[in-house]
């Protein structure tokens, strides 16, 4: 009889530990999610921040697309990004953005 009681207690303890572990895991996921949201909603850099980064020779890394910009319309302007040294961007697996294609001049050909 005592063995059955001990088995039931052990089973209940194991189930309780499993529940505690799962609660802790979901708590960790909530913390990770909150931290990610904080990064995603970081304020956009100000014009002064952009000017300072350009003066230091930094590139703007778009963390969503894994592309970095040295200058141009997207420098400091993408929703998700950060400034870093170009060498660090390359080491981090980011690639340089392609230069915009030159617009072809319209030729006015009259026949």
Protein backbone atom coordinates (compact mmCIF):
# COMPACT_ATOMS: atom_id res chain seq x y z
CA UNK A 1 0.00 0.00 0.00
CA UNK A 2 2.78 2.43 0.86
CA UNK A 3 4.41 1.88 -2.54
CA UNK A 4 1.25 2.98 -4.34
CA UNK A 5 1.10 6.14 -2.24
CA UNK A 6 4.77 6.89 -2.86
CA UNK A 7 4.25 6.33 -6.61
CA UNK A 8 1.29 8.72 -6.62
CA UNK A 9 3.29 11.35 -4.74
CA UNK A 10 6.23 10.96 -7.13
CA UNK A 11 3.93 11.28 -10.14
CA UNK A 12 2.28 14.38 -8.69
CA UNK A 13 5.71 15.92 -7.98
CA UNK A 14 6.89 15.20 -11.52
CA UNK A 15 3.78 16.77 -12.99
CA UNK A 16 4.19 19.81 -10.76
CA UNK A 17 7.82 20.23 -11.82
CA UNK A 18 6.82 19.95 -15.48
CA UNK A 19 4.19 22.64 -15.00
CA UNK A 20 6.71 24.93 -13.26
CA UNK A 21 9.26 24.39 -16.04
CA UNK A 22 6.71 25.20 -18.73
CA UNK A 23 5.61 28.33 -16.88
CA UNK A 24 9.23 29.47 -16.62
CA UNK A 25 9.78 28.76 -20.32
CA UNK A 26 6.74 30.81 -21.34
CA UNK A 27 7.97 33.59 -19.05
CA UNK A 28 11.33 33.56 -20.86
CA UNK A 29 9.52 33.72 -24.19
CA UNK A 30 7.53 36.72 -22.98
CA UNK A 31 10.74 38.48 -21.93
CA UNK A 32 12.36 37.73 -25.30
CA UNK A 33 9.26 38.97 -27.12
CA UNK A 34 9.20 42.16 -25.06
CA UNK A 35 12.88 42.79 -25.73
CA UNK A 36 12.37 42.25 -29.47
CA UNK A 37 9.44 44.68 -29.49
CA UNK A 38 11.60 47.26 -27.73
CA UNK A 39 14.24 46.95 -30.45
CA UNK A 40 11.62 47.04 -33.20
CA UNK A 41 10.04 50.18 -31.79
CA UNK A 42 13.27 52.04 -31.06
CA UNK A 43 12.95 55.70 -32.01
CA UNK A 44 14.20 56.68 -35.44
CA UNK A 45 17.54 58.47 -35.45
CA UNK A 46 17.38 62.24 -35.51
CA UNK A 47 18.96 64.34 -38.25
CA UNK A 48 21.78 65.10 -35.79
CA UNK A 49 22.34 61.37 -35.17
CA UNK A 50 22.49 60.77 -38.92
CA UNK A 51 24.94 63.65 -39.46
CA UNK A 52 27.15 62.40 -36.60
CA UNK A 53 27.20 58.86 -37.99
CA UNK A 54 28.09 60.12 -41.49
CA UNK A 55 30.92 62.20 -40.02
CA UNK A 56 32.27 59.07 -38.33
CA UNK A 57 32.08 57.10 -41.58
CA UNK A 58 29.45 54.68 -40.29
CA UNK A 59 26.94 52.83 -42.43
CA UNK A 60 23.22 52.35 -41.76
CA UNK A 61 22.34 48.66 -41.47
CA UNK A 62 18.79 47.63 -42.30
CA UNK A 63 18.37 44.73 -39.88
CA UNK A 64 15.32 43.40 -41.72
CA UNK A 65 16.90 43.05 -45.16
CA UNK A 66 20.54 42.51 -44.08
CA UNK A 67 21.63 45.37 -46.38
CA UNK A 68 23.71 48.38 -45.39
CA UNK A 69 23.64 51.89 -46.86
CA UNK A 70 26.64 54.21 -47.04
CA UNK A 71 24.53 57.19 -48.08
CA UNK A 72 21.36 57.95 -49.97
CA UNK A 73 17.66 58.13 -49.29
CA UNK A 74 17.57 55.09 -46.96
CA UNK A 75 20.55 56.10 -44.79
CA UNK A 76 19.10 56.25 -41.27
CA UNK A 77 15.56 56.03 -42.60
CA UNK A 78 14.50 52.35 -42.63
CA UNK A 79 12.11 51.17 -39.91
CA UNK A 80 14.50 48.61 -38.46
CA UNK A 81 18.16 49.48 -38.44
CA UNK A 82 21.24 50.74 -36.69
CA UNK A 83 24.55 52.47 -37.35
CA UNK A 84 27.80 50.52 -37.38
CA UNK A 85 31.24 50.45 -38.95
CA UNK A 86 31.29 49.07 -42.49
CA UNK A 87 33.77 46.32 -41.54
CA UNK A 88 31.49 45.23 -38.70
CA UNK A 89 28.52 45.19 -41.07
CA UNK A 90 30.43 42.94 -43.49
CA UNK A 91 31.53 40.64 -40.66
CA UNK A 92 27.92 40.50 -39.49
CA UNK A 93 26.80 39.15 -42.86
CA UNK A 94 25.29 42.36 -44.20
CA UNK A 95 25.81 43.27 -47.86
CA UNK A 96 26.15 46.67 -49.48
CA UNK A 97 23.02 48.15 -51.03
CA UNK A 98 23.03 48.42 -54.79
CA UNK A 99 23.39 51.87 -56.23
CA UNK A 100 20.17 53.04 -57.86
CA UNK A 101 20.23 52.53 -61.61
CA UNK A 102 20.77 55.71 -63.58
CA UNK A 103 17.58 56.88 -65.15
CA UNK A 104 17.68 56.84 -68.87
CA UNK A 105 17.20 60.23 -70.43
CA UNK A 106 14.13 60.38 -72.57
CA UNK A 107 15.02 61.14 -76.10
CA UNK A 108 12.55 63.09 -78.09
CA UNK A 109 12.68 61.36 -81.43
CA UNK A 110 10.33 62.85 -83.99
CA UNK A 111 9.87 61.38 -87.40
